[in-house]
Amino acid sequence: MIQNHNKALIIDAIDAGAQPGAVFRFQPAEIECLLGEHKTSLHQVDLFDTIKIARFTGKCPQIVIIGIQPFQITWGLSLTPEMLEKLPGILALVKDEIEAMSLLPAEEGSEGSGY
């Protein structure tokens, strides 16, 4: 999924215990020390497992993650009304990040080293 690209921007909900609607920008190396390694199944592969695999193969792009603190964490197919209200500001931040990423040259091996 990410291995054939120079850069990746990932946008997802992240439960950081912050105010709902808070937006965070980080790179995987900035939070990898906070990630638990405990899995209850071999089928539990998440975003950071995918990044580890890409690093192991030496084909990991530069990655920036935009995380948004959700208002609620439940199964569903749509955003909450509160998140829909925040969406224009979040989309503006994402657009700015895309523009900034396209101006920056891909750093050779920037994320491809060990995990």
Protein backbone atom coordinates (compact mmCIF):
# COMPACT_ATOMS: atom_id res chain seq x y z
CA MET A 1 0.00 0.00 0.00
CA ILE A 2 2.68 2.57 0.93
CA GLN A 3 5.80 0.83 -0.33
CA ASN A 4 5.75 2.12 -3.91
CA HIS A 5 5.60 5.82 -3.03
CA ASN A 6 8.12 8.47 -1.97
CA LYS A 7 5.75 10.27 0.41
CA ALA A 8 2.57 9.38 2.28
CA LEU A 9 0.06 11.51 4.14
CA ILE A 10 -2.18 9.51 6.46
CA ILE A 11 -5.30 11.09 7.96
CA ASP A 12 -7.06 9.19 10.72
CA ALA A 13 -8.80 9.46 14.06
CA ILE A 14 -6.42 9.18 17.00
CA ASP A 15 -7.46 8.86 20.60
CA ALA A 16 -4.88 11.01 22.36
CA GLY A 17 -7.10 11.90 25.30
CA ALA A 18 -7.33 15.47 23.99
CA GLN A 19 -10.23 17.83 23.42
CA PRO A 20 -12.54 16.40 20.69
CA GLY A 21 -11.69 17.89 17.32
CA ALA A 22 -8.04 18.54 18.27
CA VAL A 23 -5.69 17.99 15.32
CA PHE A 24 -2.18 16.54 15.59
CA ARG A 25 0.62 16.35 13.03
CA PHE A 26 3.43 13.89 13.59
CA GLN A 27 5.77 11.40 11.98
CA PRO A 28 5.91 7.75 13.06
CA ALA A 29 9.29 8.13 14.81
CA GLU A 30 7.79 10.76 17.12
CA ILE A 31 5.36 8.32 18.75
CA GLU A 32 6.74 4.83 18.20
CA CYS A 33 7.91 4.68 21.83
CA LEU A 34 4.26 5.04 22.92
CA LEU A 35 2.98 2.09 20.91
CA GLY A 36 2.21 -1.18 22.62
CA GLU A 37 3.47 -4.40 21.10
CA HIS A 38 0.81 -6.68 22.62
CA LYS A 39 -1.34 -8.38 20.00
CA THR A 40 -3.99 -10.97 20.70
CA SER A 41 -4.06 -12.34 17.14
CA LEU A 42 -1.69 -12.73 14.21
CA HIS A 43 -4.38 -10.99 12.16
CA GLN A 44 -4.07 -7.74 14.10
CA VAL A 45 -2.08 -5.67 11.65
CA ASP A 46 -2.43 -1.93 12.10
CA LEU A 47 -0.95 1.19 10.54
CA PHE A 48 2.29 0.98 12.52
CA ASP A 49 2.75 -2.69 11.65
CA THR A 50 2.44 -1.69 8.00
CA ILE A 51 5.10 1.00 8.49
CA LYS A 52 7.40 -1.52 10.25
CA ILE A 53 7.06 -3.94 7.33
CA ALA A 54 7.79 -1.17 4.81
CA ARG A 55 10.88 -0.13 6.81
CA PHE A 56 12.05 -3.73 7.01
CA THR A 57 11.87 -4.06 3.22
CA GLY A 58 13.64 -0.71 2.78
CA LYS A 59 10.67 0.72 0.86
CA CYS A 60 9.10 3.06 3.39
CA PRO A 61 8.19 6.55 2.16
CA GLN A 62 8.42 9.81 4.08
CA ILE A 63 5.29 9.71 6.24
CA VAL A 64 3.29 12.46 7.89
CA ILE A 65 0.25 11.56 9.95
CA ILE A 66 -2.59 13.98 10.63
CA GLY A 67 -4.57 12.67 13.60
CA ILE A 68 -7.90 14.05 14.73
CA GLN A 69 -9.24 13.43 18.23
CA PRO A 70 -12.72 11.95 17.70
CA PHE A 71 -15.81 13.12 19.53
CA GLN A 72 -16.83 9.49 19.99
CA ILE A 73 -15.35 6.14 19.05
CA THR A 74 -18.02 3.81 17.71
CA TRP A 75 -18.72 1.82 14.58
CA GLY A 76 -20.42 3.85 11.88
CA LEU A 77 -20.38 5.03 8.31
CA SER A 78 -20.51 8.77 8.80
CA LEU A 79 -18.93 11.56 10.79
CA THR A 80 -20.60 13.00 13.86
CA PRO A 81 -22.26 16.41 13.43
CA GLU A 82 -19.49 17.92 15.60
CA MET A 83 -16.77 16.48 13.36
CA LEU A 84 -18.59 17.64 10.23
CA GLU A 85 -18.49 21.14 11.70
CA LYS A 86 -14.69 20.88 12.13
CA LEU A 87 -14.13 19.35 8.68
CA PRO A 88 -13.46 22.55 6.67
CA GLY A 89 -10.60 23.53 9.00
CA ILE A 90 -9.17 20.00 8.94
CA LEU A 91 -9.34 19.90 5.14
CA ALA A 92 -7.50 23.25 4.96
CA LEU A 93 -4.70 21.80 7.15
CA VAL A 94 -4.54 18.69 4.94
CA LYS A 95 -4.36 20.84 1.80
CA ASP A 96 -1.51 22.87 3.33
CA GLU A 97 0.34 19.66 4.22
CA ILE A 98 -0.06 18.26 0.70
CA GLU A 99 1.28 21.50 -0.76
CA ALA A 100 4.23 21.48 1.66
CA MET A 101 4.99 17.82 0.91
CA SER A 102 5.01 18.40 -2.83
CA LEU A 103 7.58 21.17 -2.44
CA LEU A 104 9.92 19.03 -0.37
CA PRO A 105 12.18 16.58 -2.17
CA ALA A 106 11.87 12.96 -1.09
CA GLU A 107 14.62 12.18 1.40
CA GLU A 108 16.49 9.08 0.37
CA GLY A 109 16.11 6.49 3.12
CA SER A 110 14.36 8.92 5.46
CA GLU A 111 12.00 6.29 6.88
CA GLY A 112 13.71 3.18 5.57
CA SER A 113 16.06 2.51 8.45
CA GLY A 114 15.42 0.11 11.34
CA TYR A 115 12.43 0.34 13.65
